[in-house]
């Protein structure tokens, strides 16, 4: 995980989401340094890599259409 967050999500949002989901996908390990935590994927999280990669590929393939649909929705057209 990056220091400043990822893909438009604030660090606080990512930390809060990870804390509430820590028994599901990420594993959270507090480190000895105060206010520092390390995250790793659990086995179920690693199993999601192929699915998430496919979703990213799909998004890249259809990004122009997604953005056009958002624009039509936002402008009421």
C-alpha atoms as a PDB file:
ATOM      1  CA  UNK A   1       0.000   0.000   0.000  1.00  0.00           C
ATOM      2  CA  UNK A   2       1.317   3.426  -0.778  1.00  0.00           C
ATOM      3  CA  UNK A   3       1.888   6.093   1.836  1.00  0.00           C
ATOM      4  CA  UNK A   4      -0.535   8.597   0.327  1.00  0.00           C
ATOM      5  CA  UNK A   5      -3.384   6.247  -0.484  1.00  0.00           C
ATOM      6  CA  UNK A   6      -4.342   4.581  -3.720  1.00  0.00           C
ATOM      7  CA  UNK A   7      -6.415   5.434  -6.770  1.00  0.00           C
ATOM      8  CA  UNK A   8      -8.209   8.460  -5.346  1.00  0.00           C
ATOM      9  CA  UNK A   9      -8.824   7.017  -1.884  1.00  0.00           C
ATOM     10  CA  UNK A  10      -7.425   8.800   1.133  1.00  0.00           C
ATOM     11  CA  UNK A  11      -5.055   6.993   3.454  1.00  0.00           C
ATOM     12  CA  UNK A  12      -7.673   7.261   6.232  1.00  0.00           C
ATOM     13  CA  UNK A  13     -10.350   5.631   4.036  1.00  0.00           C
ATOM     14  CA  UNK A  14      -8.054   2.757   3.095  1.00  0.00           C
ATOM     15  CA  UNK A  15      -6.935   2.243   6.707  1.00  0.00           C
ATOM     16  CA  UNK A  16     -10.504   2.267   8.015  1.00  0.00           C
ATOM     17  CA  UNK A  17     -11.650  -0.178   5.343  1.00  0.00           C
ATOM     18  CA  UNK A  18      -8.722  -2.490   6.013  1.00  0.00           C
ATOM     19  CA  UNK A  19      -9.335  -2.472   9.776  1.00  0.00           C
ATOM     20  CA  UNK A  20     -12.987  -3.421   9.362  1.00  0.00           C
ATOM     21  CA  UNK A  21     -12.189  -6.133   6.815  1.00  0.00           C
ATOM     22  CA  UNK A  22      -9.084  -7.539   8.466  1.00  0.00           C
ATOM     23  CA  UNK A  23     -10.698 -10.906   9.156  1.00  0.00           C
ATOM     24  CA  UNK A  24     -11.588 -11.278   5.468  1.00  0.00           C
ATOM     25  CA  UNK A  25      -8.895 -10.328   2.961  1.00  0.00           C
ATOM     26  CA  UNK A  26      -5.974  -8.245   4.256  1.00  0.00           C
ATOM     27  CA  UNK A  27      -3.959  -9.240   7.275  1.00  0.00           C
ATOM     28  CA  UNK A  28      -3.023  -6.301   9.514  1.00  0.00           C
ATOM     29  CA  UNK A  29       0.136  -6.464  11.609  1.00  0.00           C
ATOM     30  CA  UNK A  30       1.063  -3.540  13.851  1.00  0.00           C
ATOM     31  CA  UNK A  31       4.819  -2.971  13.807  1.00  0.00           C
ATOM     32  CA  UNK A  32       7.060  -1.972  16.671  1.00  0.00           C
ATOM     33  CA  UNK A  33       7.348   1.599  15.427  1.00  0.00           C
ATOM     34  CA  UNK A  34       4.408   3.643  16.798  1.00  0.00           C
ATOM     35  CA  UNK A  35       1.718   4.511  14.259  1.00  0.00           C
ATOM     36  CA  UNK A  36       3.065   2.098  11.671  1.00  0.00           C
ATOM     37  CA  UNK A  37       1.251  -0.964  10.377  1.00  0.00           C
ATOM     38  CA  UNK A  38       2.055  -3.445   7.634  1.00  0.00           C
ATOM     39  CA  UNK A  39      -0.613  -5.119   5.498  1.00  0.00           C
ATOM     40  CA  UNK A  40      -0.305  -8.361   3.548  1.00  0.00           C
ATOM     41  CA  UNK A  41      -2.892 -10.353   1.656  1.00  0.00           C
ATOM     42  CA  UNK A  42      -4.370 -13.464   3.177  1.00  0.00           C
ATOM     43  CA  UNK A  43      -4.910 -16.591   1.058  1.00  0.00           C
ATOM     44  CA  UNK A  44      -8.443 -15.429   0.055  1.00  0.00           C
ATOM     45  CA  UNK A  45      -6.983 -12.044  -0.875  1.00  0.00           C
ATOM     46  CA  UNK A  46      -4.294 -13.629  -3.053  1.00  0.00           C
ATOM     47  CA  UNK A  47      -6.987 -15.708  -4.755  1.00  0.00           C
ATOM     48  CA  UNK A  48      -8.694 -12.461  -5.828  1.00  0.00           C
ATOM     49  CA  UNK A  49      -5.686 -11.277  -7.850  1.00  0.00           C
ATOM     50  CA  UNK A  50      -6.834 -12.905 -11.115  1.00  0.00           C
ATOM     51  CA  UNK A  51     -10.372 -11.547 -10.703  1.00  0.00           C
ATOM     52  CA  UNK A  52      -9.192  -8.035  -9.864  1.00  0.00           C
ATOM     53  CA  UNK A  53      -6.703  -8.088 -12.730  1.00  0.00           C
ATOM     54  CA  UNK A  54      -9.544  -9.038 -15.105  1.00  0.00           C
ATOM     55  CA  UNK A  55     -11.681  -6.202 -13.744  1.00  0.00           C
ATOM     56  CA  UNK A  56      -8.809  -3.759 -14.313  1.00  0.00           C
ATOM     57  CA  UNK A  57      -8.382  -5.006 -17.885  1.00  0.00           C
ATOM     58  CA  UNK A  58     -12.138  -4.623 -18.499  1.00  0.00           C
ATOM     59  CA  UNK A  59     -12.047  -1.084 -17.101  1.00  0.00           C
ATOM     60  CA  UNK A  60      -9.166  -0.098 -19.369  1.00  0.00           C
ATOM     61  CA  UNK A  61     -10.920  -1.604 -22.389  1.00  0.00           C
ATOM     62  CA  UNK A  62     -14.168   0.287 -21.765  1.00  0.00           C
ATOM     63  CA  UNK A  63     -12.863   3.416 -20.028  1.00  0.00           C
ATOM     64  CA  UNK A  64     -13.966   5.727 -22.854  1.00  0.00           C
ATOM     65  CA  UNK A  65     -17.532   4.401 -22.700  1.00  0.00           C
ATOM     66  CA  UNK A  66     -17.572   4.567 -18.892  1.00  0.00           C
ATOM     67  CA  UNK A  67     -16.442   8.196 -18.919  1.00  0.00           C
ATOM     68  CA  UNK A  68     -18.965   9.108 -21.642  1.00  0.00           C
ATOM     69  CA  UNK A  69     -21.776   7.515 -19.601  1.00  0.00           C
ATOM     70  CA  UNK A  70     -20.688   9.414 -16.480  1.00  0.00           C
ATOM     71  CA  UNK A  71     -20.652  12.667 -18.437  1.00  0.00           C
ATOM     72  CA  UNK A  72     -24.155  12.034 -19.842  1.00  0.00           C
ATOM     73  CA  UNK A  73     -25.439  11.238 -16.357  1.00  0.00           C
ATOM     74  CA  UNK A  74     -23.752  14.270 -14.754  1.00  0.00           C
ATOM     75  CA  UNK A  75     -25.063  16.668 -17.388  1.00  0.00           C
ATOM     76  CA  UNK A  76     -28.532  15.124 -17.527  1.00  0.00           C
ATOM     77  CA  UNK A  77     -28.229  14.118 -21.188  1.00  0.00           C
END
